[in-house]
Amino acid sequence: MNDPRKKKNPTLGVAVLIVVVVLLVIATILYNAITEKREYERDNGVDTTAPAASAAAAAVNAAKGASQ
């Protein structure tokens, strides 16, 4: 009646479950990191364009100095 050869192997189901759980954990960590970063920047008034502008200005000044 009950043929033991027809028993399903649960390994694939367990593997899929583990992969899904790991992906959910990674997604949660990334979401929390981005949320905390935005909250920190909002609370502290961090200007994200200032470092880029100062780096560009320094590069231009370095190029001017090298050409002279």
C-alpha atoms as a PDB file:
ATOM      1  CA  MET A   1       0.000   0.000   0.000  1.00  0.00           C
ATOM      2  CA  ASN A   2       2.542   2.554   1.113  1.00  0.00           C
ATOM      3  CA  ASP A   3       5.486   2.365  -1.286  1.00  0.00           C
ATOM      4  CA  PRO A   4       8.637   3.784   0.406  1.00  0.00           C
ATOM      5  CA  ARG A   5      10.157   4.722  -2.970  1.00  0.00           C
ATOM      6  CA  LYS A   6       7.496   7.403  -3.487  1.00  0.00           C
ATOM      7  CA  LYS A   7       8.487   9.332  -0.351  1.00  0.00           C
ATOM      8  CA  LYS A   8       9.442  12.922  -1.226  1.00  0.00           C
ATOM      9  CA  ASN A   9      12.800  14.336  -0.240  1.00  0.00           C
ATOM     10  CA  PRO A  10      12.250  17.510   1.861  1.00  0.00           C
ATOM     11  CA  THR A  11      15.773  18.822   1.200  1.00  0.00           C
ATOM     12  CA  LEU A  12      14.698  21.148  -1.622  1.00  0.00           C
ATOM     13  CA  GLY A  13      11.932  22.681   0.480  1.00  0.00           C
ATOM     14  CA  VAL A  14      14.260  23.276   3.401  1.00  0.00           C
ATOM     15  CA  ALA A  15      16.889  24.824   1.110  1.00  0.00           C
ATOM     16  CA  VAL A  16      14.333  27.203  -0.406  1.00  0.00           C
ATOM     17  CA  LEU A  17      13.107  28.170   3.066  1.00  0.00           C
ATOM     18  CA  ILE A  18      16.652  28.930   4.233  1.00  0.00           C
ATOM     19  CA  VAL A  19      17.372  31.050   1.148  1.00  0.00           C
ATOM     20  CA  VAL A  20      14.146  33.018   1.606  1.00  0.00           C
ATOM     21  CA  VAL A  21      14.879  33.664   5.282  1.00  0.00           C
ATOM     22  CA  VAL A  22      18.445  34.819   4.526  1.00  0.00           C
ATOM     23  CA  LEU A  23      17.193  37.175   1.808  1.00  0.00           C
ATOM     24  CA  LEU A  24      14.595  38.626   4.178  1.00  0.00           C
ATOM     25  CA  VAL A  25      17.249  39.245   6.826  1.00  0.00           C
ATOM     26  CA  ILE A  26      19.525  40.995   4.312  1.00  0.00           C
ATOM     27  CA  ALA A  27      16.635  43.119   3.036  1.00  0.00           C
ATOM     28  CA  THR A  28      15.693  44.098   6.589  1.00  0.00           C
ATOM     29  CA  ILE A  29      19.261  45.103   7.439  1.00  0.00           C
ATOM     30  CA  LEU A  30      19.554  47.221   4.287  1.00  0.00           C
ATOM     31  CA  TYR A  31      16.176  48.871   4.889  1.00  0.00           C
ATOM     32  CA  ASN A  32      17.092  49.738   8.475  1.00  0.00           C
ATOM     33  CA  ALA A  33      20.493  51.079   7.449  1.00  0.00           C
ATOM     34  CA  ILE A  34      19.010  53.344   4.782  1.00  0.00           C
ATOM     35  CA  THR A  35      16.266  54.534   7.127  1.00  0.00           C
ATOM     36  CA  GLU A  36      18.741  55.301   9.916  1.00  0.00           C
ATOM     37  CA  LYS A  37      21.029  57.129   7.485  1.00  0.00           C
ATOM     38  CA  ARG A  38      18.210  59.331   6.225  1.00  0.00           C
ATOM     39  CA  GLU A  39      17.038  60.027   9.786  1.00  0.00           C
ATOM     40  CA  TYR A  40      20.585  60.910  10.878  1.00  0.00           C
ATOM     41  CA  GLU A  41      21.058  63.242   7.924  1.00  0.00           C
ATOM     42  CA  ARG A  42      17.692  64.890   8.537  1.00  0.00           C
ATOM     43  CA  ASP A  43      18.404  65.426  12.240  1.00  0.00           C
ATOM     44  CA  ASN A  44      21.975  66.667  11.811  1.00  0.00           C
ATOM     45  CA  GLY A  45      21.521  68.638   8.599  1.00  0.00           C
ATOM     46  CA  VAL A  46      24.282  66.851   6.736  1.00  0.00           C
ATOM     47  CA  ASP A  47      24.880  68.424   3.332  1.00  0.00           C
ATOM     48  CA  THR A  48      25.773  65.676   0.881  1.00  0.00           C
ATOM     49  CA  THR A  49      26.818  68.074  -1.909  1.00  0.00           C
ATOM     50  CA  ALA A  50      29.486  69.924   0.114  1.00  0.00           C
ATOM     51  CA  PRO A  51      32.074  67.111   0.187  1.00  0.00           C
ATOM     52  CA  ALA A  52      31.688  66.513  -3.533  1.00  0.00           C
ATOM     53  CA  ALA A  53      32.017  70.217  -4.299  1.00  0.00           C
ATOM     54  CA  SER A  54      35.094  70.613  -2.127  1.00  0.00           C
ATOM     55  CA  ALA A  55      36.675  67.541  -3.697  1.00  0.00           C
ATOM     56  CA  ALA A  56      36.006  68.937  -7.164  1.00  0.00           C
ATOM     57  CA  ALA A  57      37.466  72.303  -6.178  1.00  0.00           C
ATOM     58  CA  ALA A  58      40.567  70.627  -4.797  1.00  0.00           C
ATOM     59  CA  ALA A  59      40.980  68.661  -8.030  1.00  0.00           C
ATOM     60  CA  VAL A  60      40.687  71.832 -10.093  1.00  0.00           C
ATOM     61  CA  ASN A  61      43.211  73.627  -7.900  1.00  0.00           C
ATOM     62  CA  ALA A  62      45.594  70.692  -8.150  1.00  0.00           C
ATOM     63  CA  ALA A  63      45.264  70.676 -11.921  1.00  0.00           C
ATOM     64  CA  LYS A  64      45.961  74.428 -12.061  1.00  0.00           C
ATOM     65  CA  GLY A  65      49.020  74.008  -9.868  1.00  0.00           C
ATOM     66  CA  ALA A  66      50.355  71.146 -11.993  1.00  0.00           C
ATOM     67  CA  SER A  67      49.943  73.089 -15.235  1.00  0.00           C
ATOM     68  CA  GLN A  68      51.995  76.082 -14.031  1.00  0.00           C
END
